[in-house]
Amino acid sequence: MARAYGVLNDDPAMAKDAKTIGSYLRAKRSWFVVDKDGVIRYARVTDPRGLVPNDEILDVLAKLK
């Protein structure tokens, strides 16, 4: 799924660098809201320590109702 959503760290150069090898073939920190029809209504990708405010996601969910 990470590859399908475009959030997989799959650059082979990452495997050759000691600083990035730990992230190679791992998903980026990501949030998605998918509606009942399978349509992505919200997508957010942040840096490894980033967070998305709960209110932001709750607003998206409220609009789906």
Protein backbone atom coordinates (compact mmCIF):
# COMPACT_ATOMS: atom_id res chain seq x y z
CA MET A 1 0.00 0.00 0.00
CA ALA A 2 2.83 2.40 0.79
CA ARG A 3 4.12 2.03 -2.76
CA ALA A 4 0.60 2.43 -4.21
CA TYR A 5 0.07 5.63 -2.22
CA GLY A 6 3.51 6.94 -3.18
CA VAL A 7 4.88 7.10 0.36
CA LEU A 8 7.48 4.32 0.27
CA ASN A 9 11.14 5.28 0.63
CA ASP A 10 12.33 3.05 -2.18
CA ASP A 11 15.21 5.02 -3.68
CA PRO A 12 18.08 2.48 -3.97
CA ALA A 13 20.57 5.25 -3.18
CA MET A 14 19.18 5.27 0.36
CA ALA A 15 20.49 1.74 0.89
CA LYS A 16 24.02 2.88 0.15
CA ASP A 17 24.05 5.77 2.63
CA ALA A 18 24.57 5.02 6.33
CA LYS A 19 22.39 8.02 7.25
CA THR A 20 19.36 6.87 5.26
CA ILE A 21 19.58 3.09 5.19
CA GLY A 22 17.31 2.86 8.23
CA SER A 23 14.49 4.50 6.29
CA TYR A 24 14.98 2.53 3.10
CA LEU A 25 11.89 0.47 2.19
CA ARG A 26 9.89 2.01 5.01
CA ALA A 27 6.85 4.20 4.64
CA LYS A 28 7.02 7.94 5.17
CA ARG A 29 4.87 9.32 7.99
CA SER A 30 1.52 9.69 6.24
CA TRP A 31 -2.18 10.17 6.89
CA PHE A 32 -5.00 9.38 4.49
CA VAL A 33 -8.77 9.67 4.68
CA VAL A 34 -10.51 7.42 2.17
CA ASP A 35 -14.26 7.70 1.67
CA LYS A 36 -16.71 4.80 1.31
CA ASP A 37 -16.21 4.79 -2.46
CA GLY A 38 -12.45 4.41 -2.10
CA VAL A 39 -11.67 8.02 -3.06
CA ILE A 40 -8.80 9.67 -1.19
CA ARG A 41 -10.29 12.79 0.38
CA TYR A 42 -7.26 13.80 2.42
CA ALA A 43 -3.56 13.03 2.17
CA ARG A 44 -0.70 14.44 4.17
CA VAL A 45 2.94 13.40 4.31
CA THR A 46 5.26 14.92 6.90
CA ASP A 47 8.85 14.58 7.99
CA PRO A 48 9.57 11.62 10.28
CA ARG A 49 8.84 13.62 13.44
CA GLY A 50 5.95 15.64 12.03
CA LEU A 51 2.38 15.37 13.18
CA VAL A 52 -0.94 16.52 11.78
CA PRO A 53 -3.28 18.35 14.15
CA ASN A 54 -6.26 16.18 15.04
CA ASP A 55 -8.61 19.07 14.19
CA GLU A 56 -7.41 19.02 10.59
CA ILE A 57 -8.33 15.36 10.12
CA LEU A 58 -11.57 15.72 12.10
CA ASP A 59 -12.63 18.58 9.82
CA VAL A 60 -12.14 16.38 6.76
CA LEU A 61 -14.10 13.55 8.38
CA ALA A 62 -16.94 15.90 9.35
CA LYS A 63 -17.27 17.06 5.74
CA LEU A 64 -17.73 13.47 4.59
CA LYS A 65 -20.95 13.03 6.56
